[in-house]
PDB file of N, CA and C in Angstrom:
ATOM      1  N   MET A   1     -68.534 -22.555  12.012  1.00  0.00           N
ATOM      2  CA  MET A   1     -67.694 -21.708  11.219  1.00  0.00           C
ATOM      3  C   MET A   1     -67.054 -20.669  12.130  1.00  0.00           C
ATOM      4  N   GLU A   2     -65.763 -20.479  12.003  1.00  0.00           N
ATOM      5  CA  GLU A   2     -65.042 -19.473  12.792  1.00  0.00           C
ATOM      6  C   GLU A   2     -64.571 -18.346  11.892  1.00  0.00           C
ATOM      7  N   VAL A   3     -64.746 -17.113  12.380  1.00  0.00           N
ATOM      8  CA  VAL A   3     -64.245 -15.942  11.662  1.00  0.00           C
ATOM      9  C   VAL A   3     -63.627 -14.981  12.664  1.00  0.00           C
ATOM     10  N   SER A   4     -62.610 -14.264  12.213  1.00  0.00           N
ATOM     11  CA  SER A   4     -61.995 -13.255  13.075  1.00  0.00           C
ATOM     12  C   SER A   4     -62.901 -12.021  13.130  1.00  0.00           C
ATOM     13  N   VAL A   5     -62.659 -11.173  14.109  1.00  0.00           N
ATOM     14  CA  VAL A   5     -63.458  -9.959  14.255  1.00  0.00           C
ATOM     15  C   VAL A   5     -63.380  -9.121  12.985  1.00  0.00           C
ATOM     16  N   SER A   6     -62.184  -8.971  12.422  1.00  0.00           N
ATOM     17  CA  SER A   6     -62.033  -8.146  11.216  1.00  0.00           C
ATOM     18  C   SER A   6     -62.778  -8.766  10.028  1.00  0.00           C
ATOM     19  N   GLN A   7     -62.713 -10.094   9.879  1.00  0.00           N
ATOM     20  CA  GLN A   7     -63.464 -10.756   8.805  1.00  0.00           C
ATOM     21  C   GLN A   7     -64.963 -10.604   9.023  1.00  0.00           C
ATOM     22  N   PHE A   8     -65.371 -10.729  10.273  1.00  0.00           N
ATOM     23  CA  PHE A   8     -66.789 -10.610  10.598  1.00  0.00           C
ATOM     24  C   PHE A   8     -67.314  -9.237  10.204  1.00  0.00           C
ATOM     25  N   ARG A   9     -66.559  -8.184  10.556  1.00  0.00           N
ATOM     26  CA  ARG A   9     -66.971  -6.822  10.204  1.00  0.00           C
ATOM     27  C   ARG A   9     -67.013  -6.629   8.691  1.00  0.00           C
ATOM     28  N   ALA A  10     -65.987  -7.105   8.017  1.00  0.00           N
ATOM     29  CA  ALA A  10     -65.896  -6.905   6.570  1.00  0.00           C
ATOM     30  C   ALA A  10     -67.020  -7.614   5.820  1.00  0.00           C
ATOM     31  N   GLN A  11     -67.489  -8.720   6.347  1.00  0.00           N
ATOM     32  CA  GLN A  11     -68.517  -9.515   5.670  1.00  0.00           C
ATOM     33  C   GLN A  11     -69.777  -9.613   6.528  1.00  0.00           C
ATOM     34  N   LEU A  12     -70.119  -8.517   7.176  1.00  0.00           N
ATOM     35  CA  LEU A  12     -71.232  -8.520   8.132  1.00  0.00           C
ATOM     36  C   LEU A  12     -72.536  -9.009   7.509  1.00  0.00           C
ATOM     37  N   LYS A  13     -72.893  -8.474   6.370  1.00  0.00           N
ATOM     38  CA  LYS A  13     -74.169  -8.848   5.742  1.00  0.00           C
ATOM     39  C   LYS A  13     -74.197 -10.346   5.411  1.00  0.00           C
ATOM     40  N   ASP A  14     -73.110 -10.861   4.879  1.00  0.00           N
ATOM     41  CA  ASP A  14     -73.046 -12.292   4.557  1.00  0.00           C
ATOM     42  C   ASP A  14     -73.127 -13.149   5.815  1.00  0.00           C
ATOM     43  N   ASN A  15     -72.418 -12.725   6.872  1.00  0.00           N
ATOM     44  CA  ASN A  15     -72.439 -13.482   8.122  1.00  0.00           C
ATOM     45  C   ASN A  15     -73.833 -13.492   8.744  1.00  0.00           C
ATOM     46  N   LEU A  16     -74.535 -12.369   8.669  1.00  0.00           N
ATOM     47  CA  LEU A  16     -75.895 -12.323   9.205  1.00  0.00           C
ATOM     48  C   LEU A  16     -76.825 -13.234   8.414  1.00  0.00           C
ATOM     49  N   ALA A  17     -76.645 -13.272   7.114  1.00  0.00           N
ATOM     50  CA  ALA A  17     -77.468 -14.161   6.277  1.00  0.00           C
ATOM     51  C   ALA A  17     -77.199 -15.623   6.624  1.00  0.00           C
ATOM     52  N   LYS A  18     -75.933 -15.968   6.867  1.00  0.00           N
ATOM     53  CA  LYS A  18     -75.600 -17.346   7.227  1.00  0.00           C
ATOM     54  C   LYS A  18     -76.224 -17.720   8.574  1.00  0.00           C
ATOM     55  N   ALA A  19     -76.170 -16.793   9.533  1.00  0.00           N
ATOM     56  CA  ALA A  19     -76.769 -17.059  10.843  1.00  0.00           C
ATOM     57  C   ALA A  19     -78.280 -17.219  10.709  1.00  0.00           C
ATOM     58  N   LYS A  20     -78.895 -16.385   9.902  1.00  0.00           N
ATOM     59  CA  LYS A  20     -80.344 -16.479   9.685  1.00  0.00           C
ATOM     60  C   LYS A  20     -80.715 -17.821   9.062  1.00  0.00           C
ATOM     61  N   ALA A  21     -79.829 -18.339   8.216  1.00  0.00           N
ATOM     62  CA  ALA A  21     -80.071 -19.630   7.561  1.00  0.00           C
ATOM     63  C   ALA A  21     -79.830 -20.810   8.506  1.00  0.00           C
ATOM     64  N   GLY A  22     -79.305 -20.547   9.709  1.00  0.00           N
ATOM     65  CA  GLY A  22     -79.128 -21.612  10.681  1.00  0.00           C
ATOM     66  C   GLY A  22     -77.699 -21.990  10.994  1.00  0.00           C
ATOM     67  N   GLN A  23     -76.736 -21.328  10.373  1.00  0.00           N
ATOM     68  CA  GLN A  23     -75.339 -21.659  10.621  1.00  0.00           C
ATOM     69  C   GLN A  23     -74.825 -20.894  11.839  1.00  0.00           C
ATOM     70  N   ASP A  24     -74.142 -21.574  12.753  1.00  0.00           N
ATOM     71  CA  ASP A  24     -73.513 -20.916  13.893  1.00  0.00           C
ATOM     72  C   ASP A  24     -72.191 -20.312  13.452  1.00  0.00           C
ATOM     73  N   ILE A  25     -71.937 -19.082  13.893  1.00  0.00           N
ATOM     74  CA  ILE A  25     -70.694 -18.406  13.566  1.00  0.00           C
ATOM     75  C   ILE A  25     -69.993 -18.054  14.872  1.00  0.00           C
ATOM     76  N   VAL A  26     -68.783 -18.547  15.037  1.00  0.00           N
ATOM     77  CA  VAL A  26     -67.977 -18.242  16.221  1.00  0.00           C
ATOM     78  C   VAL A  26     -67.012 -17.132  15.828  1.00  0.00           C
ATOM     79  N   ILE A  27     -67.065 -16.035  16.568  1.00  0.00           N
ATOM     80  CA  ILE A  27     -66.203 -14.887  16.291  1.00  0.00           C
ATOM     81  C   ILE A  27     -64.993 -14.975  17.205  1.00  0.00           C
ATOM     82  N   THR A  28     -63.798 -14.839  16.604  1.00  0.00           N
ATOM     83  CA  THR A  28     -62.566 -14.982  17.371  1.00  0.00           C
ATOM     84  C   THR A  28     -61.767 -13.686  17.369  1.00  0.00           C
ATOM     85  N   ASP A  29     -61.014 -13.499  18.432  1.00  0.00           N
ATOM     86  CA  ASP A  29     -60.082 -12.377  18.549  1.00  0.00           C
ATOM     87  C   ASP A  29     -58.704 -12.963  18.791  1.00  0.00           C
ATOM     88  N   ARG A  30     -57.853 -12.866  17.778  1.00  0.00           N
ATOM     89  CA  ARG A  30     -56.506 -13.457  17.817  1.00  0.00           C
ATOM     90  C   ARG A  30     -56.570 -14.959  18.104  1.00  0.00           C
ATOM     91  N   GLY A  31     -57.534 -15.614  17.484  1.00  0.00           N
ATOM     92  CA  GLY A  31     -57.668 -17.058  17.605  1.00  0.00           C
ATOM     93  C   GLY A  31     -58.445 -17.542  18.810  1.00  0.00           C
ATOM     94  N   VAL A  32     -58.853 -16.621  19.690  1.00  0.00           N
ATOM     95  CA  VAL A  32     -59.602 -16.989  20.897  1.00  0.00           C
ATOM     96  C   VAL A  32     -61.083 -16.701  20.669  1.00  0.00           C
ATOM     97  N   PRO A  33     -61.949 -17.695  20.810  1.00  0.00           N
ATOM     98  CA  PRO A  33     -63.391 -17.462  20.629  1.00  0.00           C
ATOM     99  C   PRO A  33     -63.917 -16.460  21.653  1.00  0.00           C
ATOM    100  N   ILE A  34     -64.656 -15.462  21.160  1.00  0.00           N
ATOM    101  CA  ILE A  34     -65.201 -14.442  22.072  1.00  0.00           C
ATOM    102  C   ILE A  34     -66.719 -14.324  22.009  1.00  0.00           C
ATOM    103  N   ALA A  35     -67.307 -14.792  20.907  1.00  0.00           N
ATOM    104  CA  ALA A  35     -68.766 -14.688  20.779  1.00  0.00           C
ATOM    105  C   ALA A  35     -69.273 -15.714  19.772  1.00  0.00           C
ATOM    106  N   ARG A  36     -70.572 -16.002  19.888  1.00  0.00           N
ATOM    107  CA  ARG A  36     -71.216 -16.915  18.942  1.00  0.00           C
ATOM    108  C   ARG A  36     -72.460 -16.211  18.407  1.00  0.00           C
ATOM    109  N   LEU A  37     -72.637 -16.266  17.099  1.00  0.00           N
ATOM    110  CA  LEU A  37     -73.801 -15.689  16.456  1.00  0.00           C
ATOM    111  C   LEU A  37     -74.664 -16.820  15.920  1.00  0.00           C
ATOM    112  N   THR A  38     -75.921 -16.824  16.333  1.00  0.00           N
ATOM    113  CA  THR A  38     -76.861 -17.829  15.852  1.00  0.00           C
ATOM    114  C   THR A  38     -78.131 -17.128  15.407  1.00  0.00           C
ATOM    115  N   GLY A  39     -78.881 -17.759  14.549  1.00  0.00           N
ATOM    116  CA  GLY A  39     -80.139 -17.188  14.084  1.00  0.00           C
ATOM    117  C   GLY A  39     -81.216 -17.298  15.151  1.00  0.00           C
ATOM    118  N   VAL A  40     -82.223 -16.483  15.018  1.00  0.00           N
ATOM    119  CA  VAL A  40     -83.360 -16.493  15.930  1.00  0.00           C
ATOM    120  C   VAL A  40     -84.564 -17.021  15.169  1.00  0.00           C
ATOM    121  N   ALA A  41     -85.239 -17.985  15.734  1.00  0.00           N
ATOM    122  CA  ALA A  41     -86.373 -18.610  15.055  1.00  0.00           C
ATOM    123  C   ALA A  41     -87.702 -18.169  15.648  1.00  0.00           C
ATOM    124  N   GLY A  42     -87.754 -16.973  16.232  1.00  0.00           N
ATOM    125  CA  GLY A  42     -88.976 -16.503  16.887  1.00  0.00           C
ATOM    126  C   GLY A  42     -90.157 -16.393  15.957  1.00  0.00           C
ATOM    127  N   ALA A  43     -89.978 -15.798  14.788  1.00  0.00           N
ATOM    128  CA  ALA A  43     -91.087 -15.640  13.849  1.00  0.00           C
ATOM    129  C   ALA A  43     -91.542 -16.999  13.340  1.00  0.00           C
ATOM    130  N   ASP A  44     -90.593 -17.888  13.083  1.00  0.00           N
ATOM    131  CA  ASP A  44     -90.944 -19.230  12.626  1.00  0.00           C
ATOM    132  C   ASP A  44     -91.751 -19.975  13.689  1.00  0.00           C
ATOM    133  N   LEU A  45     -91.416 -19.773  14.944  1.00  0.00           N
ATOM    134  CA  LEU A  45     -92.128 -20.436  16.029  1.00  0.00           C
ATOM    135  C   LEU A  45     -93.587 -19.991  16.064  1.00  0.00           C
ATOM    136  N   LEU A  46     -93.830 -18.688  15.912  1.00  0.00           N
ATOM    137  CA  LEU A  46     -95.206 -18.194  15.912  1.00  0.00           C
ATOM    138  C   LEU A  46     -96.007 -18.796  14.765  1.00  0.00           C
ATOM    139  N   GLU A  47     -95.390 -18.848  13.596  1.00  0.00           N
ATOM    140  CA  GLU A  47     -96.078 -19.448  12.443  1.00  0.00           C
ATOM    141  C   GLU A  47     -96.365 -20.926  12.686  1.00  0.00           C
ATOM    142  N   GLN A  48     -95.421 -21.637  13.282  1.00  0.00           N
ATOM    143  CA  GLN A  48     -95.604 -23.062  13.563  1.00  0.00           C
ATOM    144  C   GLN A  48     -96.739 -23.268  14.564  1.00  0.00           C
ATOM    145  N   LEU A  49     -96.776 -22.466  15.622  1.00  0.00           N
ATOM    146  CA  LEU A  49     -97.846 -22.595  16.619  1.00  0.00           C
ATOM    147  C   LEU A  49     -99.209 -22.297  16.013  1.00  0.00           C
ATOM    148  N   GLU A  50     -99.245 -21.344  15.091  1.00  0.00           N
ATOM    149  CA  GLU A  50    -100.515 -21.029  14.428  1.00  0.00           C
ATOM    150  C   GLU A  50    -100.955 -22.184  13.531  1.00  0.00           C
ATOM    151  N   ARG A  51    -100.011 -22.797  12.801  1.00  0.00           N
ATOM    152  CA  ARG A  51    -100.336 -23.943  11.944  1.00  0.00           C
ATOM    153  C   ARG A  51    -100.858 -25.118  12.761  1.00  0.00           C
ATOM    154  N   GLU A  52    -100.286 -25.317  13.958  1.00  0.00           N
ATOM    155  CA  GLU A  52    -100.680 -26.432  14.810  1.00  0.00           C
ATOM    156  C   GLU A  52    -101.977 -26.154  15.579  1.00  0.00           C
ATOM    157  N   GLY A  53    -102.515 -24.948  15.454  1.00  0.00           N
ATOM    158  CA  GLY A  53    -103.755 -24.603  16.129  1.00  0.00           C
ATOM    159  C   GLY A  53    -103.591 -24.226  17.586  1.00  0.00           C
ATOM    160  N   LEU A  54    -102.364 -24.024  18.029  1.00  0.00           N
ATOM    161  CA  LEU A  54    -102.124 -23.652  19.424  1.00  0.00           C
ATOM    162  C   LEU A  54    -102.167 -22.143  19.639  1.00  0.00           C
ATOM    163  N   LEU A  55    -102.165 -21.412  18.548  1.00  0.00           N
ATOM    164  CA  LEU A  55    -102.164 -19.957  18.601  1.00  0.00           C
ATOM    165  C   LEU A  55    -103.032 -19.472  17.457  1.00  0.00           C
ATOM    166  N   SER A  56    -103.788 -18.421  17.687  1.00  0.00           N
ATOM    167  CA  SER A  56    -104.602 -17.886  16.588  1.00  0.00           C
ATOM    168  C   SER A  56    -104.461 -16.375  16.543  1.00  0.00           C
ATOM    169  N   ALA A  57    -104.632 -15.837  15.356  1.00  0.00           N
ATOM    170  CA  ALA A  57    -104.571 -14.386  15.173  1.00  0.00           C
ATOM    171  C   ALA A  57    -105.795 -13.757  15.826  1.00  0.00           C
ATOM    172  N   PRO A  58    -105.689 -12.525  16.293  1.00  0.00           N
ATOM    173  CA  PRO A  58    -106.850 -11.884  16.917  1.00  0.00           C
ATOM    174  C   PRO A  58    -107.973 -11.693  15.906  1.00  0.00           C
ATOM    175  N   GLY A  59    -109.206 -11.798  16.381  1.00  0.00           N
ATOM    176  CA  GLY A  59    -110.356 -11.642  15.508  1.00  0.00           C
ATOM    177  C   GLY A  59    -110.619 -10.198  15.129  1.00  0.00           C
ATOM    178  N   ALA A  60    -110.249  -9.281  15.995  1.00  0.00           N
ATOM    179  CA  ALA A  60    -110.481  -7.850  15.735  1.00  0.00           C
ATOM    180  C   ALA A  60    -109.317  -7.057  16.310  1.00  0.00           C
ATOM    181  N   ALA A  61    -109.199  -5.843  15.862  1.00  0.00           N
ATOM    182  CA  ALA A  61    -108.135  -4.969  16.372  1.00  0.00           C
ATOM    183  C   ALA A  61    -108.409  -4.624  17.832  1.00  0.00           C
ATOM    184  N   ARG A  62    -107.337  -4.472  18.584  1.00  0.00           N
ATOM    185  CA  ARG A  62    -107.494  -4.098  19.987  1.00  0.00           C
ATOM    186  C   ARG A  62    -107.940  -2.649  20.089  1.00  0.00           C
ATOM    187  N   PRO A  63    -108.818  -2.348  21.042  1.00  0.00           N
ATOM    188  CA  PRO A  63    -109.245  -0.955  21.190  1.00  0.00           C
ATOM    189  C   PRO A  63    -108.077  -0.100  21.686  1.00  0.00           C
ATOM    190  N   ALA A  64    -108.081   1.143  21.274  1.00  0.00           N
ATOM    191  CA  ALA A  64    -107.031   2.065  21.699  1.00  0.00           C
ATOM    192  C   ALA A  64    -107.201   2.393  23.177  1.00  0.00           C
ATOM    193  N   ALA A  65    -106.104   2.687  23.825  1.00  0.00           N
ATOM    194  CA  ALA A  65    -106.150   3.087  25.227  1.00  0.00           C
ATOM    195  C   ALA A  65    -106.840   4.435  25.332  1.00  0.00           C
ATOM    196  N   PRO A  66    -107.589   4.651  26.405  1.00  0.00           N
ATOM    197  CA  PRO A  66    -108.265   5.947  26.544  1.00  0.00           C
ATOM    198  C   PRO A  66    -107.238   7.070  26.694  1.00  0.00           C
ATOM    199  N   ASP A  67    -107.547   8.206  26.103  1.00  0.00           N
ATOM    200  CA  ASP A  67    -106.667   9.365  26.206  1.00  0.00           C
ATOM    201  C   ASP A  67    -106.951  10.033  27.541  1.00  0.00           C
ATOM    202  N   LEU A  68    -105.986   9.951  28.447  1.00  0.00           N
ATOM    203  CA  LEU A  68    -106.190  10.514  29.779  1.00  0.00           C
ATOM    204  C   LEU A  68    -105.847  11.994  29.827  1.00  0.00           C
ATOM    205  N   GLY A  69    -105.114  12.458  28.855  1.00  0.00           N
ATOM    206  CA  GLY A  69    -104.777  13.878  28.815  1.00  0.00           C
ATOM    207  C   GLY A  69    -103.976  14.302  30.031  1.00  0.00           C
ATOM    208  N   GLN A  70    -104.174  15.518  30.438  1.00  0.00           N
ATOM    209  CA  GLN A  70    -103.460  16.097  31.574  1.00  0.00           C
ATOM    210  C   GLN A  70    -104.489  16.514  32.630  1.00  0.00           C
ATOM    211  N   GLY A  71    -104.051  16.661  33.832  1.00  0.00           N
ATOM    212  CA  GLY A  71    -104.929  17.202  34.869  1.00  0.00           C
ATOM    213  C   GLY A  71    -105.519  16.151  35.774  1.00  0.00           C
ATOM    214  N   ARG A  72    -106.697  16.477  36.357  1.00  0.00           N
ATOM    215  CA  ARG A  72    -107.325  15.640  37.380  1.00  0.00           C
ATOM    216  C   ARG A  72    -107.655  14.242  36.893  1.00  0.00           C
ATOM    217  N   GLU A  73    -108.188  14.098  35.677  1.00  0.00           N
ATOM    218  CA  GLU A  73    -108.571  12.775  35.184  1.00  0.00           C
ATOM    219  C   GLU A  73    -107.361  11.860  35.100  1.00  0.00           C
ATOM    220  N   ALA A  74    -106.257  12.392  34.600  1.00  0.00           N
ATOM    221  CA  ALA A  74    -105.039  11.591  34.481  1.00  0.00           C
ATOM    222  C   ALA A  74    -104.509  11.243  35.857  1.00  0.00           C
ATOM    223  N   ASP A  75    -104.531  12.207  36.767  1.00  0.00           N
ATOM    224  CA  ASP A  75    -104.040  11.959  38.121  1.00  0.00           C
ATOM    225  C   ASP A  75    -104.858  10.890  38.825  1.00  0.00           C
ATOM    226  N   SER A  76    -106.186  10.938  38.695  1.00  0.00           N
ATOM    227  CA  SER A  76    -107.020   9.954  39.387  1.00  0.00           C
ATOM    228  C   SER A  76    -106.844   8.566  38.766  1.00  0.00           C
ATOM    229  N   ALA A  77    -106.655   8.493  37.453  1.00  0.00           N
ATOM    230  CA  ALA A  77    -106.439   7.199  36.806  1.00  0.00           C
ATOM    231  C   ALA A  77    -105.125   6.586  37.255  1.00  0.00           C
ATOM    232  N   ILE A  78    -104.107   7.396  37.345  1.00  0.00           N
ATOM    233  CA  ILE A  78    -102.797   6.905  37.794  1.00  0.00           C
ATOM    234  C   ILE A  78    -102.859   6.503  39.258  1.00  0.00           C
ATOM    235  N   SER A  79    -103.547   7.292  40.072  1.00  0.00           N
ATOM    236  CA  SER A  79    -103.690   6.953  41.490  1.00  0.00           C
ATOM    237  C   SER A  79    -104.397   5.622  41.662  1.00  0.00           C
ATOM    238  N   GLY A  80    -105.463   5.414  40.880  1.00  0.00           N
ATOM    239  CA  GLY A  80    -106.191   4.153  40.955  1.00  0.00           C
ATOM    240  C   GLY A  80    -105.329   2.980  40.558  1.00  0.00           C
ATOM    241  N   LEU A  81    -104.529   3.168  39.526  1.00  0.00           N
ATOM    242  CA  LEU A  81    -103.624   2.100  39.079  1.00  0.00           C
ATOM    243  C   LEU A  81    -102.615   1.781  40.171  1.00  0.00           C
ATOM    244  N   LEU A  82    -102.041   2.789  40.788  1.00  0.00           N
ATOM    245  CA  LEU A  82    -101.060   2.571  41.845  1.00  0.00           C
ATOM    246  C   LEU A  82    -101.697   1.849  43.034  1.00  0.00           C
ATOM    247  N   LYS A  83    -102.911   2.192  43.369  1.00  0.00           N
ATOM    248  CA  LYS A  83    -103.600   1.505  44.484  1.00  0.00           C
ATOM    249  C   LYS A  83    -103.781   0.029  44.186  1.00  0.00           C
ATOM    250  N   ARG A  84    -104.168  -0.294  42.931  1.00  0.00           N
ATOM    251  CA  ARG A  84    -104.349  -1.692  42.560  1.00  0.00           C
ATOM    252  C   ARG A  84    -103.035  -2.453  42.566  1.00  0.00           C
ATOM    253  N   LEU A  85    -101.957  -1.811  42.152  1.00  0.00           N
ATOM    254  CA  LEU A  85    -100.657  -2.473  42.118  1.00  0.00           C
ATOM    255  C   LEU A  85    -100.114  -2.734  43.518  1.00  0.00           C
ATOM    256  N   ARG A  86    -100.471  -1.904  44.467  1.00  0.00           N
ATOM    257  CA  ARG A  86     -99.951  -2.058  45.833  1.00  0.00           C
ATOM    258  C   ARG A  86    -100.659  -3.131  46.620  1.00  0.00           C
ATOM    259  N   ARG A  87    -101.774  -3.621  46.141  1.00  0.00           N
ATOM    260  CA  ARG A  87    -102.542  -4.650  46.877  1.00  0.00           C
ATOM    261  C   ARG A  87    -101.803  -5.935  46.939  1.00  0.00           C
TER     262      ARG A  87
END
Protein backbone atom coordinates (compact mmCIF):
# COMPACT_ATOMS: atom_id res chain seq x y z
CA MET A 1 0.00 0.00 0.00
CA GLU A 2 1.35 3.44 -0.92
CA VAL A 3 0.40 6.67 0.82
CA SER A 4 1.68 10.21 0.51
CA VAL A 5 3.31 11.92 3.48
CA SER A 6 0.25 14.14 3.98
CA GLN A 7 -2.13 11.14 3.86
CA PHE A 8 0.12 9.25 6.23
CA ARG A 9 0.05 12.09 8.77
CA ALA A 10 -3.69 12.59 8.47
CA GLN A 11 -4.41 8.90 9.03
CA LEU A 12 -1.52 8.06 11.34
CA LYS A 13 -3.49 5.92 13.79
CA ASP A 14 -5.08 3.88 10.99
CA ASN A 15 -1.74 3.42 9.22
CA LEU A 16 -0.09 2.22 12.43
CA ALA A 17 -2.90 -0.28 12.98
CA LYS A 18 -2.48 -1.59 9.42
CA ALA A 19 1.28 -1.99 9.92
CA LYS A 20 0.69 -3.78 13.23
CA ALA A 21 -1.69 -6.14 11.41
CA GLY A 22 1.10 -7.03 8.97
CA GLN A 23 0.50 -4.72 6.02
CA ASP A 24 3.53 -2.91 4.55
CA ILE A 25 3.00 0.79 3.97
CA VAL A 26 5.25 2.68 1.55
CA ILE A 27 5.32 6.41 2.24
CA THR A 28 5.86 8.62 -0.80
CA ASP A 29 6.88 12.24 -1.30
CA ARG A 30 5.56 13.59 -4.61
CA GLY A 31 5.24 10.04 -5.89
CA VAL A 32 8.77 8.98 -4.88
CA PRO A 33 9.00 6.26 -2.21
CA ILE A 34 10.92 7.54 0.82
CA ALA A 35 10.13 5.10 3.62
CA ARG A 36 8.49 1.79 4.44
CA LEU A 37 6.50 1.08 7.58
CA THR A 38 6.18 -2.51 8.72
CA GLY A 39 4.95 -4.09 11.93
CA VAL A 40 7.28 -5.49 14.55
CA ALA A 41 6.68 -9.05 15.71
CA GLY A 42 9.02 -8.96 18.72
CA ALA A 43 6.39 -9.67 21.37
CA ASP A 44 4.88 -12.43 19.24
CA LEU A 45 8.32 -14.02 18.87
CA LEU A 46 8.81 -14.17 22.64
CA GLU A 47 5.41 -15.79 23.10
CA GLN A 48 6.17 -18.30 20.33
CA LEU A 49 9.54 -19.24 21.86
CA GLU A 50 7.88 -19.73 25.23
CA ARG A 51 5.18 -21.97 23.70
CA GLU A 52 7.86 -24.06 21.97
CA GLY A 53 9.74 -24.49 25.26
CA LEU A 54 12.83 -22.64 24.06
CA LEU A 55 12.32 -19.80 26.50
CA SER A 56 10.84 -19.74 29.98
CA ALA A 57 9.71 -17.01 32.33
CA PRO A 58 11.95 -16.42 35.35
CA GLY A 59 11.07 -18.44 38.43
CA ALA A 60 11.61 -15.54 40.83
CA ALA A 61 12.13 -11.81 40.69
CA ARG A 62 15.67 -10.63 40.15
CA PRO A 63 17.35 -9.21 43.25
CA ALA A 64 17.78 -5.46 43.32
CA ALA A 65 21.21 -4.01 42.71
CA PRO A 66 23.03 -3.05 45.89
CA ASP A 67 22.74 0.61 46.81
CA LEU A 68 26.29 1.91 46.58
CA GLY A 69 25.40 5.40 47.72
CA GLN A 70 28.10 8.03 47.63
CA GLY A 71 31.65 8.08 48.92
CA ARG A 72 34.35 5.43 49.40
CA GLU A 73 32.13 2.35 48.95
CA ALA A 74 30.85 3.60 45.61
CA ASP A 75 34.33 4.60 44.48
CA SER A 76 35.84 1.22 45.35
CA ALA A 77 33.00 -0.65 43.61
CA ILE A 78 33.43 1.40 40.46
CA SER A 79 37.21 0.99 40.59
CA GLY A 80 36.82 -2.77 40.88
CA LEU A 81 34.45 -2.84 37.94
CA LEU A 82 36.85 -0.81 35.81
CA LYS A 83 39.73 -3.15 36.69
CA ARG A 84 37.69 -6.17 35.61
CA LEU A 85 36.67 -4.51 32.35
CA ARG A 86 40.27 -3.64 31.47
CA ARG A 87 41.46 -7.25 31.70
